[in-house]
């Protein structure tokens, strides 16, 4: 079956040429070198997001990311969310799910001390209704579903029952795009706009541990608003898991450029310090167009 699938993809590529959503490499939706940028274990990133210090009475709520939101990683998320590259949705879901599995012991310990530790809720950070319509789906909710399934998997699942499930517990009403807004402006833009989902009984959240899931962590303003709303309902936010975290202005990136395969149309592997400026990992025009695009929520 695999050779048939590969043949089918090759024929489809002749009709509908595809390029890596991250770097623009030809004939692949997401190339191996760019995939490797999201392969590592999750690392703590809450200190980068100044607004997370306002997450209720728990300033120590941890946040984890798989990568820096720069260069090809940022291009990937922009392409996925705002350029119609939903063909990489399954891959991104699996990448974040793999990261969640590595966090399972730490999350299990956090859940155990919650008032209602029987089940972990995995809650997506909400997008506006307009954004969901534009993208054709609630993409972050799909990430949350994959994370919940990964955390609920394992031996004895059928005997013990479900321990983790995704729940769209929050909604967001209007507001401007967060693109280009500073820390304070982001918080002001979200004030009062994040609420519990319609029809959700707050009693369902009382004492229940919650893991928030999002695509990118920038200032933490959105996550802080989500935590505040959930805390008022009695939920306990034990952490935030994201695909990528935006480094503070002027901070060095930990991202190294992926290798360029011989014969690739990507020209010149940019030095790590140049990734934010040019991302010359493929056609220069395409790189600048994708990487300079605003990331919308």
C-alpha atoms as a PDB file:
ATOM      1  CA  UNK A   1       0.000   0.000   0.000  1.00  0.00           C
ATOM      2  CA  UNK A   2       2.798   2.441   0.803  1.00  0.00           C
ATOM      3  CA  UNK A   3       4.275   2.343  -2.745  1.00  0.00           C
ATOM      4  CA  UNK A   4       0.792   3.030  -4.109  1.00  0.00           C
ATOM      5  CA  UNK A   5       0.387   6.002  -1.770  1.00  0.00           C
ATOM      6  CA  UNK A   6       3.765   7.387  -2.797  1.00  0.00           C
ATOM      7  CA  UNK A   7       2.888   6.935  -6.477  1.00  0.00           C
ATOM      8  CA  UNK A   8      -0.429   8.691  -5.921  1.00  0.00           C
ATOM      9  CA  UNK A   9       1.277  11.598  -4.208  1.00  0.00           C
ATOM     10  CA  UNK A  10       3.775  11.858  -7.029  1.00  0.00           C
ATOM     11  CA  UNK A  11       1.028  12.008  -9.652  1.00  0.00           C
ATOM     12  CA  UNK A  12      -0.909  14.550  -7.613  1.00  0.00           C
ATOM     13  CA  UNK A  13       2.241  16.655  -7.314  1.00  0.00           C
ATOM     14  CA  UNK A  14       2.436  16.887 -11.094  1.00  0.00           C
ATOM     15  CA  UNK A  15      -1.026  18.443 -11.176  1.00  0.00           C
ATOM     16  CA  UNK A  16      -0.929  20.403  -7.922  1.00  0.00           C
ATOM     17  CA  UNK A  17       2.691  21.254  -7.050  1.00  0.00           C
ATOM     18  CA  UNK A  18       3.338  21.339  -3.322  1.00  0.00           C
ATOM     19  CA  UNK A  19       6.052  23.001  -1.267  1.00  0.00           C
ATOM     20  CA  UNK A  20       7.127  22.673   2.345  1.00  0.00           C
ATOM     21  CA  UNK A  21       4.862  24.880   4.446  1.00  0.00           C
ATOM     22  CA  UNK A  22       7.858  25.869   6.566  1.00  0.00           C
ATOM     23  CA  UNK A  23      10.746  26.491   4.174  1.00  0.00           C
ATOM     24  CA  UNK A  24       9.359  26.172   0.650  1.00  0.00           C
ATOM     25  CA  UNK A  25      11.282  23.047  -0.382  1.00  0.00           C
ATOM     26  CA  UNK A  26       9.720  21.462  -3.450  1.00  0.00           C
ATOM     27  CA  UNK A  27       7.504  18.382  -3.649  1.00  0.00           C
ATOM     28  CA  UNK A  28       6.813  17.878   0.042  1.00  0.00           C
ATOM     29  CA  UNK A  29       4.197  19.348   2.374  1.00  0.00           C
ATOM     30  CA  UNK A  30       6.591  19.484   5.333  1.00  0.00           C
ATOM     31  CA  UNK A  31      10.194  18.464   4.749  1.00  0.00           C
ATOM     32  CA  UNK A  32      12.239  16.278   7.062  1.00  0.00           C
ATOM     33  CA  UNK A  33      14.709  18.962   8.176  1.00  0.00           C
ATOM     34  CA  UNK A  34      11.867  21.298   9.133  1.00  0.00           C
ATOM     35  CA  UNK A  35      10.010  18.485  10.907  1.00  0.00           C
ATOM     36  CA  UNK A  36      13.075  17.944  13.050  1.00  0.00           C
ATOM     37  CA  UNK A  37      12.679  21.460  14.484  1.00  0.00           C
ATOM     38  CA  UNK A  38       9.559  20.274  16.346  1.00  0.00           C
ATOM     39  CA  UNK A  39      10.944  16.867  17.324  1.00  0.00           C
ATOM     40  CA  UNK A  40      12.652  17.849  20.548  1.00  0.00           C
ATOM     41  CA  UNK A  41      11.217  17.481  24.055  1.00  0.00           C
ATOM     42  CA  UNK A  42       9.082  20.372  25.356  1.00  0.00           C
ATOM     43  CA  UNK A  43      10.971  23.033  27.293  1.00  0.00           C
ATOM     44  CA  UNK A  44       9.813  25.639  29.783  1.00  0.00           C
ATOM     45  CA  UNK A  45       9.098  29.062  28.293  1.00  0.00           C
ATOM     46  CA  UNK A  46       6.837  30.946  30.721  1.00  0.00           C
ATOM     47  CA  UNK A  47       9.564  33.435  31.642  1.00  0.00           C
ATOM     48  CA  UNK A  48       9.369  34.814  28.095  1.00  0.00           C
ATOM     49  CA  UNK A  49       5.704  35.775  28.459  1.00  0.00           C
ATOM     50  CA  UNK A  50       5.387  38.711  30.820  1.00  0.00           C
ATOM     51  CA  UNK A  51       1.594  38.574  31.047  1.00  0.00           C
ATOM     52  CA  UNK A  52       1.695  35.091  32.562  1.00  0.00           C
ATOM     53  CA  UNK A  53       2.700  36.731  35.836  1.00  0.00           C
ATOM     54  CA  UNK A  54      -0.951  37.717  36.127  1.00  0.00           C
ATOM     55  CA  UNK A  55      -2.333  34.191  35.943  1.00  0.00           C
ATOM     56  CA  UNK A  56      -4.382  34.440  39.116  1.00  0.00           C
ATOM     57  CA  UNK A  57      -2.774  33.240  42.323  1.00  0.00           C
ATOM     58  CA  UNK A  58      -0.472  30.813  40.501  1.00  0.00           C
ATOM     59  CA  UNK A  59       2.354  32.837  38.950  1.00  0.00           C
ATOM     60  CA  UNK A  60       4.311  29.613  38.680  1.00  0.00           C
ATOM     61  CA  UNK A  61       1.972  27.999  36.133  1.00  0.00           C
ATOM     62  CA  UNK A  62       4.402  26.337  33.710  1.00  0.00           C
ATOM     63  CA  UNK A  63       4.339  26.768  29.953  1.00  0.00           C
ATOM     64  CA  UNK A  64       6.059  24.398  27.538  1.00  0.00           C
ATOM     65  CA  UNK A  65       7.003  24.826  23.875  1.00  0.00           C
ATOM     66  CA  UNK A  66       8.494  22.561  21.241  1.00  0.00           C
ATOM     67  CA  UNK A  67      10.416  25.285  19.384  1.00  0.00           C
ATOM     68  CA  UNK A  68      11.156  28.971  18.963  1.00  0.00           C
ATOM     69  CA  UNK A  69       8.531  30.791  16.885  1.00  0.00           C
ATOM     70  CA  UNK A  70      11.057  32.155  14.397  1.00  0.00           C
ATOM     71  CA  UNK A  71      12.293  31.253  10.938  1.00  0.00           C
ATOM     72  CA  UNK A  72      10.753  28.169   9.338  1.00  0.00           C
ATOM     73  CA  UNK A  73       8.742  27.317  12.463  1.00  0.00           C
ATOM     74  CA  UNK A  74       6.944  30.639  12.379  1.00  0.00           C
ATOM     75  CA  UNK A  75       6.470  30.310   8.603  1.00  0.00           C
ATOM     76  CA  UNK A  76       4.910  26.910   9.190  1.00  0.00           C
ATOM     77  CA  UNK A  77       2.353  28.218  11.677  1.00  0.00           C
ATOM     78  CA  UNK A  78       1.509  31.248   9.514  1.00  0.00           C
ATOM     79  CA  UNK A  79       1.011  28.980   6.496  1.00  0.00           C
ATOM     80  CA  UNK A  80      -1.107  26.564   8.516  1.00  0.00           C
ATOM     81  CA  UNK A  81      -3.363  29.149  10.108  1.00  0.00           C
ATOM     82  CA  UNK A  82      -3.629  31.897   7.521  1.00  0.00           C
ATOM     83  CA  UNK A  83      -2.492  30.564   4.140  1.00  0.00           C
ATOM     84  CA  UNK A  84      -4.694  27.520   3.820  1.00  0.00           C
ATOM     85  CA  UNK A  85      -2.008  24.890   4.482  1.00  0.00           C
ATOM     86  CA  UNK A  86      -4.318  22.632   6.446  1.00  0.00           C
ATOM     87  CA  UNK A  87      -2.595  19.685   4.776  1.00  0.00           C
ATOM     88  CA  UNK A  88      -0.086  19.823   7.645  1.00  0.00           C
ATOM     89  CA  UNK A  89      -2.745  19.749  10.383  1.00  0.00           C
ATOM     90  CA  UNK A  90      -2.327  16.048  11.113  1.00  0.00           C
ATOM     91  CA  UNK A  91       1.449  16.381  11.312  1.00  0.00           C
ATOM     92  CA  UNK A  92       1.250  19.298  13.746  1.00  0.00           C
ATOM     93  CA  UNK A  93      -1.296  17.464  15.887  1.00  0.00           C
ATOM     94  CA  UNK A  94       1.014  14.458  16.069  1.00  0.00           C
ATOM     95  CA  UNK A  95       4.041  16.628  16.885  1.00  0.00           C
ATOM     96  CA  UNK A  96       2.321  18.293  19.838  1.00  0.00           C
ATOM     97  CA  UNK A  97       0.844  14.982  20.978  1.00  0.00           C
ATOM     98  CA  UNK A  98       4.339  13.467  21.034  1.00  0.00           C
ATOM     99  CA  UNK A  99       5.520  16.360  23.177  1.00  0.00           C
ATOM    100  CA  UNK A 100       2.587  15.864  25.536  1.00  0.00           C
ATOM    101  CA  UNK A 101       3.512  12.212  26.058  1.00  0.00           C
ATOM    102  CA  UNK A 102       6.946  13.293  27.252  1.00  0.00           C
ATOM    103  CA  UNK A 103       5.279  15.587  29.796  1.00  0.00           C
ATOM    104  CA  UNK A 104       2.925  12.892  31.082  1.00  0.00           C
ATOM    105  CA  UNK A 105       4.795  12.186  34.363  1.00  0.00           C
ATOM    106  CA  UNK A 106       4.966  15.879  35.267  1.00  0.00           C
ATOM    107  CA  UNK A 107       1.337  16.472  34.356  1.00  0.00           C
ATOM    108  CA  UNK A 108       0.235  13.396  36.298  1.00  0.00           C
ATOM    109  CA  UNK A 109       1.948  14.747  39.418  1.00  0.00           C
ATOM    110  CA  UNK A 110       0.239  18.129  38.997  1.00  0.00           C
ATOM    111  CA  UNK A 111      -3.164  16.510  38.471  1.00  0.00           C
ATOM    112  CA  UNK A 112      -2.786  14.371  41.598  1.00  0.00           C
ATOM    113  CA  UNK A 113      -2.824  17.369  43.948  1.00  0.00           C
ATOM    114  CA  UNK A 114      -5.928  18.974  42.414  1.00  0.00           C
ATOM    115  CA  UNK A 115      -9.246  18.797  44.308  1.00  0.00           C
ATOM    116  CA  UNK A 116     -10.833  16.707  41.525  1.00  0.00           C
ATOM    117  CA  UNK A 117      -7.964  14.680  40.060  1.00  0.00           C
ATOM    118  CA  UNK A 118      -9.984  11.970  38.287  1.00  0.00           C
ATOM    119  CA  UNK A 119      -9.790  13.614  34.869  1.00  0.00           C
ATOM    120  CA  UNK A 120      -7.618  16.147  33.080  1.00  0.00           C
ATOM    121  CA  UNK A 121      -9.345  18.561  30.728  1.00  0.00           C
ATOM    122  CA  UNK A 122      -7.327  19.724  27.726  1.00  0.00           C
ATOM    123  CA  UNK A 123      -8.748  23.115  26.745  1.00  0.00           C
ATOM    124  CA  UNK A 124      -7.850  24.972  23.536  1.00  0.00           C
ATOM    125  CA  UNK A 125      -7.181  28.694  23.742  1.00  0.00           C
ATOM    126  CA  UNK A 126     -10.117  30.167  21.793  1.00  0.00           C
ATOM    127  CA  UNK A 127     -10.017  31.941  18.454  1.00  0.00           C
ATOM    128  CA  UNK A 128     -12.696  34.336  17.255  1.00  0.00           C
ATOM    129  CA  UNK A 129     -15.633  32.972  15.288  1.00  0.00           C
ATOM    130  CA  UNK A 130     -14.423  34.929  12.260  1.00  0.00           C
ATOM    131  CA  UNK A 131     -11.018  33.234  12.424  1.00  0.00           C
ATOM    132  CA  UNK A 132     -12.598  29.786  12.668  1.00  0.00           C
ATOM    133  CA  UNK A 133     -14.775  30.483   9.633  1.00  0.00           C
ATOM    134  CA  UNK A 134     -11.816  31.799   7.653  1.00  0.00           C
ATOM    135  CA  UNK A 135      -9.741  28.711   8.423  1.00  0.00           C
ATOM    136  CA  UNK A 136     -12.587  26.251   7.983  1.00  0.00           C
ATOM    137  CA  UNK A 137     -12.036  24.689  11.417  1.00  0.00           C
ATOM    138  CA  UNK A 138     -10.979  25.375  14.983  1.00  0.00           C
ATOM    139  CA  UNK A 139      -7.359  24.420  14.403  1.00  0.00           C
ATOM    140  CA  UNK A 140      -6.234  24.841  18.010  1.00  0.00           C
ATOM    141  CA  UNK A 141      -9.095  22.585  19.122  1.00  0.00           C
ATOM    142  CA  UNK A 142      -7.662  19.915  16.833  1.00  0.00           C
ATOM    143  CA  UNK A 143      -4.306  20.296  18.594  1.00  0.00           C
ATOM    144  CA  UNK A 144      -6.050  19.927  21.957  1.00  0.00           C
ATOM    145  CA  UNK A 145      -7.822  16.789  20.788  1.00  0.00           C
ATOM    146  CA  UNK A 146      -4.542  15.187  19.797  1.00  0.00           C
ATOM    147  CA  UNK A 147      -2.939  16.103  23.119  1.00  0.00           C
ATOM    148  CA  UNK A 148      -5.865  14.662  25.093  1.00  0.00           C
ATOM    149  CA  UNK A 149      -5.752  11.423  23.132  1.00  0.00           C
ATOM    150  CA  UNK A 150      -2.009  11.116  23.688  1.00  0.00           C
ATOM    151  CA  UNK A 151      -2.314  11.685  27.436  1.00  0.00           C
ATOM    152  CA  UNK A 152      -5.226   9.260  27.702  1.00  0.00           C
ATOM    153  CA  UNK A 153      -3.429   6.488  25.861  1.00  0.00           C
ATOM    154  CA  UNK A 154      -1.554   3.633  27.439  1.00  0.00           C
ATOM    155  CA  UNK A 155      -1.973   0.227  29.105  1.00  0.00           C
ATOM    156  CA  UNK A 156      -5.153  -0.355  31.058  1.00  0.00           C
ATOM    157  CA  UNK A 157      -7.051   2.435  29.364  1.00  0.00           C
ATOM    158  CA  UNK A 158     -10.233   0.393  28.925  1.00  0.00           C
ATOM    159  CA  UNK A 159     -10.231  -0.785  32.534  1.00  0.00           C
ATOM    160  CA  UNK A 160      -9.591   2.598  34.137  1.00  0.00           C
ATOM    161  CA  UNK A 161     -11.788   4.646  31.800  1.00  0.00           C
ATOM    162  CA  UNK A 162     -10.911   7.933  30.177  1.00  0.00           C
ATOM    163  CA  UNK A 163      -8.485  10.108  32.136  1.00  0.00           C
ATOM    164  CA  UNK A 164      -8.002  13.000  29.740  1.00  0.00           C
ATOM    165  CA  UNK A 165     -10.382  14.600  27.306  1.00  0.00           C
ATOM    166  CA  UNK A 166     -10.458  17.714  25.181  1.00  0.00           C
ATOM    167  CA  UNK A 167     -13.155  20.264  25.931  1.00  0.00           C
ATOM    168  CA  UNK A 168     -13.879  23.515  24.112  1.00  0.00           C
ATOM    169  CA  UNK A 169     -14.604  25.274  27.387  1.00  0.00           C
ATOM    170  CA  UNK A 170     -13.888  28.842  26.292  1.00  0.00           C
ATOM    171  CA  UNK A 171     -15.055  31.234  23.614  1.00  0.00           C
ATOM    172  CA  UNK A 172     -13.781  34.592  22.514  1.00  0.00           C
ATOM    173  CA  UNK A 173     -15.945  37.497  21.457  1.00  0.00           C
ATOM    174  CA  UNK A 174     -14.607  39.756  18.720  1.00  0.00           C
ATOM    175  CA  UNK A 175     -11.789  42.194  19.364  1.00  0.00           C
ATOM    176  CA  UNK A 176      -8.939  43.241  17.103  1.00  0.00           C
ATOM    177  CA  UNK A 177      -6.323  40.867  15.808  1.00  0.00           C
ATOM    178  CA  UNK A 178      -3.485  40.646  18.323  1.00  0.00           C
ATOM    179  CA  UNK A 179      -0.965  41.158  15.520  1.00  0.00           C
ATOM    180  CA  UNK A 180       1.344  44.103  16.153  1.00  0.00           C
ATOM    181  CA  UNK A 181      -0.052  44.907  19.591  1.00  0.00           C
ATOM    182  CA  UNK A 182       2.257  45.391  22.569  1.00  0.00           C
ATOM    183  CA  UNK A 183       1.928  43.603  25.890  1.00  0.00           C
ATOM    184  CA  UNK A 184      -0.485  46.055  27.507  1.00  0.00           C
ATOM    185  CA  UNK A 185      -2.493  46.535  24.294  1.00  0.00           C
ATOM    186  CA  UNK A 186      -2.912  42.776  23.921  1.00  0.00           C
ATOM    187  CA  UNK A 187      -4.267  42.492  27.442  1.00  0.00           C
ATOM    188  CA  UNK A 188      -6.622  45.453  26.950  1.00  0.00           C
ATOM    189  CA  UNK A 189      -7.828  44.027  23.640  1.00  0.00           C
ATOM    190  CA  UNK A 190      -8.823  40.769  25.336  1.00  0.00           C
ATOM    191  CA  UNK A 191     -10.313  42.221  28.520  1.00  0.00           C
ATOM    192  CA  UNK A 192     -13.745  40.719  29.054  1.00  0.00           C
ATOM    193  CA  UNK A 193     -13.770  38.958  25.685  1.00  0.00           C
ATOM    194  CA  UNK A 194     -12.851  35.449  26.832  1.00  0.00           C
ATOM    195  CA  UNK A 195     -15.785  33.651  28.430  1.00  0.00           C
ATOM    196  CA  UNK A 196     -16.991  30.160  29.213  1.00  0.00           C
ATOM    197  CA  UNK A 197     -18.522  28.350  26.256  1.00  0.00           C
ATOM    198  CA  UNK A 198     -22.274  28.619  25.943  1.00  0.00           C
ATOM    199  CA  UNK A 199     -24.114  25.854  27.745  1.00  0.00           C
ATOM    200  CA  UNK A 200     -21.150  24.865  29.903  1.00  0.00           C
ATOM    201  CA  UNK A 201     -22.073  24.461  33.560  1.00  0.00           C
ATOM    202  CA  UNK A 202     -19.286  25.976  35.710  1.00  0.00           C
ATOM    203  CA  UNK A 203     -19.866  23.146  38.188  1.00  0.00           C
ATOM    204  CA  UNK A 204     -18.306  20.790  35.621  1.00  0.00           C
ATOM    205  CA  UNK A 205     -15.011  22.636  36.091  1.00  0.00           C
ATOM    206  CA  UNK A 206     -14.937  22.944  39.865  1.00  0.00           C
ATOM    207  CA  UNK A 207     -11.628  21.579  41.144  1.00  0.00           C
ATOM    208  CA  UNK A 208     -10.807  20.008  37.780  1.00  0.00           C
ATOM    209  CA  UNK A 209      -7.229  20.235  36.433  1.00  0.00           C
ATOM    210  CA  UNK A 210      -6.900  21.941  33.049  1.00  0.00           C
ATOM    211  CA  UNK A 211      -4.067  21.955  30.527  1.00  0.00           C
ATOM    212  CA  UNK A 212      -4.354  24.864  28.092  1.00  0.00           C
ATOM    213  CA  UNK A 213      -3.196  24.303  24.503  1.00  0.00           C
ATOM    214  CA  UNK A 214      -2.305  26.918  21.883  1.00  0.00           C
ATOM    215  CA  UNK A 215      -0.204  27.252  18.758  1.00  0.00           C
ATOM    216  CA  UNK A 216       2.154  30.087  19.736  1.00  0.00           C
ATOM    217  CA  UNK A 217       2.894  31.818  23.039  1.00  0.00           C
ATOM    218  CA  UNK A 218       3.809  35.486  22.658  1.00  0.00           C
ATOM    219  CA  UNK A 219       3.086  37.800  25.598  1.00  0.00           C
ATOM    220  CA  UNK A 220       0.856  35.378  27.477  1.00  0.00           C
ATOM    221  CA  UNK A 221      -2.064  37.843  27.505  1.00  0.00           C
ATOM    222  CA  UNK A 222      -4.500  35.361  25.979  1.00  0.00           C
ATOM    223  CA  UNK A 223      -3.437  32.528  28.270  1.00  0.00           C
ATOM    224  CA  UNK A 224      -3.765  34.795  31.306  1.00  0.00           C
ATOM    225  CA  UNK A 225      -7.315  35.744  30.307  1.00  0.00           C
ATOM    226  CA  UNK A 226      -8.198  32.077  29.821  1.00  0.00           C
ATOM    227  CA  UNK A 227      -6.805  31.131  33.213  1.00  0.00           C
ATOM    228  CA  UNK A 228      -8.718  33.926  34.893  1.00  0.00           C
ATOM    229  CA  UNK A 229     -12.028  32.782  33.404  1.00  0.00           C
ATOM    230  CA  UNK A 230     -11.372  29.136  34.254  1.00  0.00           C
ATOM    231  CA  UNK A 231     -10.276  29.983  37.798  1.00  0.00           C
ATOM    232  CA  UNK A 232     -13.529  31.855  38.417  1.00  0.00           C
ATOM    233  CA  UNK A 233     -15.333  28.628  37.533  1.00  0.00           C
ATOM    234  CA  UNK A 234     -13.166  26.720  40.017  1.00  0.00           C
ATOM    235  CA  UNK A 235     -10.837  24.992  37.549  1.00  0.00           C
ATOM    236  CA  UNK A 236      -7.119  24.612  38.259  1.00  0.00           C
ATOM    237  CA  UNK A 237      -4.870  25.422  35.304  1.00  0.00           C
ATOM    238  CA  UNK A 238      -1.786  23.230  35.669  1.00  0.00           C
ATOM    239  CA  UNK A 239       0.034  24.392  32.555  1.00  0.00           C
ATOM    240  CA  UNK A 240       0.087  25.588  28.975  1.00  0.00           C
ATOM    241  CA  UNK A 241       1.463  23.592  26.032  1.00  0.00           C
ATOM    242  CA  UNK A 242       2.235  25.285  22.700  1.00  0.00           C
ATOM    243  CA  UNK A 243       3.916  24.431  19.444  1.00  0.00           C
ATOM    244  CA  UNK A 244       6.261  27.403  19.681  1.00  0.00           C
ATOM    245  CA  UNK A 245       7.248  30.350  21.859  1.00  0.00           C
ATOM    246  CA  UNK A 246       8.199  33.805  20.593  1.00  0.00           C
ATOM    247  CA  UNK A 247      11.576  34.975  21.940  1.00  0.00           C
ATOM    248  CA  UNK A 248      11.585  38.439  23.554  1.00  0.00           C
ATOM    249  CA  UNK A 249      12.849  41.292  21.338  1.00  0.00           C
ATOM    250  CA  UNK A 250      16.619  41.149  21.015  1.00  0.00           C
ATOM    251  CA  UNK A 251      16.909  37.712  22.583  1.00  0.00           C
ATOM    252  CA  UNK A 252      19.036  35.161  20.731  1.00  0.00           C
ATOM    253  CA  UNK A 253      17.097  32.316  19.167  1.00  0.00           C
ATOM    254  CA  UNK A 254      17.882  28.720  20.029  1.00  0.00           C
ATOM    255  CA  UNK A 255      16.791  27.704  16.538  1.00  0.00           C
ATOM    256  CA  UNK A 256      19.412  26.334  14.188  1.00  0.00           C
ATOM    257  CA  UNK A 257      18.677  26.329  10.458  1.00  0.00           C
ATOM    258  CA  UNK A 258      17.801  22.926   9.001  1.00  0.00           C
ATOM    259  CA  UNK A 259      20.325  21.450   6.596  1.00  0.00           C
ATOM    260  CA  UNK A 260      19.834  22.078   2.885  1.00  0.00           C
ATOM    261  CA  UNK A 261      19.715  18.923   0.808  1.00  0.00           C
ATOM    262  CA  UNK A 262      21.907  18.810  -2.316  1.00  0.00           C
ATOM    263  CA  UNK A 263      19.898  19.870  -5.339  1.00  0.00           C
ATOM    264  CA  UNK A 264      17.254  21.622  -3.285  1.00  0.00           C
ATOM    265  CA  UNK A 265      15.924  24.865  -4.682  1.00  0.00           C
ATOM    266  CA  UNK A 266      16.342  26.382  -1.269  1.00  0.00           C
ATOM    267  CA  UNK A 267      19.455  28.508  -1.525  1.00  0.00           C
ATOM    268  CA  UNK A 268      21.945  29.228   1.224  1.00  0.00           C
ATOM    269  CA  UNK A 269      21.441  28.018   4.778  1.00  0.00           C
ATOM    270  CA  UNK A 270      21.072  31.215   6.785  1.00  0.00           C
ATOM    271  CA  UNK A 271      23.079  31.572   9.957  1.00  0.00           C
ATOM    272  CA  UNK A 272      20.979  31.197  13.098  1.00  0.00           C
ATOM    273  CA  UNK A 273      21.303  34.904  13.827  1.00  0.00           C
ATOM    274  CA  UNK A 274      19.937  35.768  10.378  1.00  0.00           C
ATOM    275  CA  UNK A 275      16.799  33.635  10.546  1.00  0.00           C
ATOM    276  CA  UNK A 276      14.547  36.434  11.711  1.00  0.00           C
ATOM    277  CA  UNK A 277      15.776  38.770   8.971  1.00  0.00           C
ATOM    278  CA  UNK A 278      15.886  36.667   5.840  1.00  0.00           C
ATOM    279  CA  UNK A 279      15.153  32.952   6.444  1.00  0.00           C
ATOM    280  CA  UNK A 280      16.974  32.169   3.207  1.00  0.00           C
ATOM    281  CA  UNK A 281      16.165  28.477   3.399  1.00  0.00           C
ATOM    282  CA  UNK A 282      14.318  28.536   0.079  1.00  0.00           C
ATOM    283  CA  UNK A 283      13.311  31.068  -2.554  1.00  0.00           C
ATOM    284  CA  UNK A 284      14.044  34.478  -1.050  1.00  0.00           C
ATOM    285  CA  UNK A 285      10.789  36.042  -2.262  1.00  0.00           C
ATOM    286  CA  UNK A 286       8.680  33.281  -0.806  1.00  0.00           C
ATOM    287  CA  UNK A 287      10.599  33.384   2.482  1.00  0.00           C
ATOM    288  CA  UNK A 288      10.071  37.089   3.002  1.00  0.00           C
ATOM    289  CA  UNK A 289       6.414  36.894   2.008  1.00  0.00           C
ATOM    290  CA  UNK A 290       5.594  34.067   4.394  1.00  0.00           C
ATOM    291  CA  UNK A 291       7.739  35.060   7.349  1.00  0.00           C
ATOM    292  CA  UNK A 292       6.667  38.693   7.396  1.00  0.00           C
ATOM    293  CA  UNK A 293       2.980  37.805   7.327  1.00  0.00           C
ATOM    294  CA  UNK A 294       1.070  38.639  10.502  1.00  0.00           C
ATOM    295  CA  UNK A 295       0.098  35.706  12.672  1.00  0.00           C
ATOM    296  CA  UNK A 296      -3.603  36.080  13.359  1.00  0.00           C
ATOM    297  CA  UNK A 297      -5.682  34.668  16.145  1.00  0.00           C
END
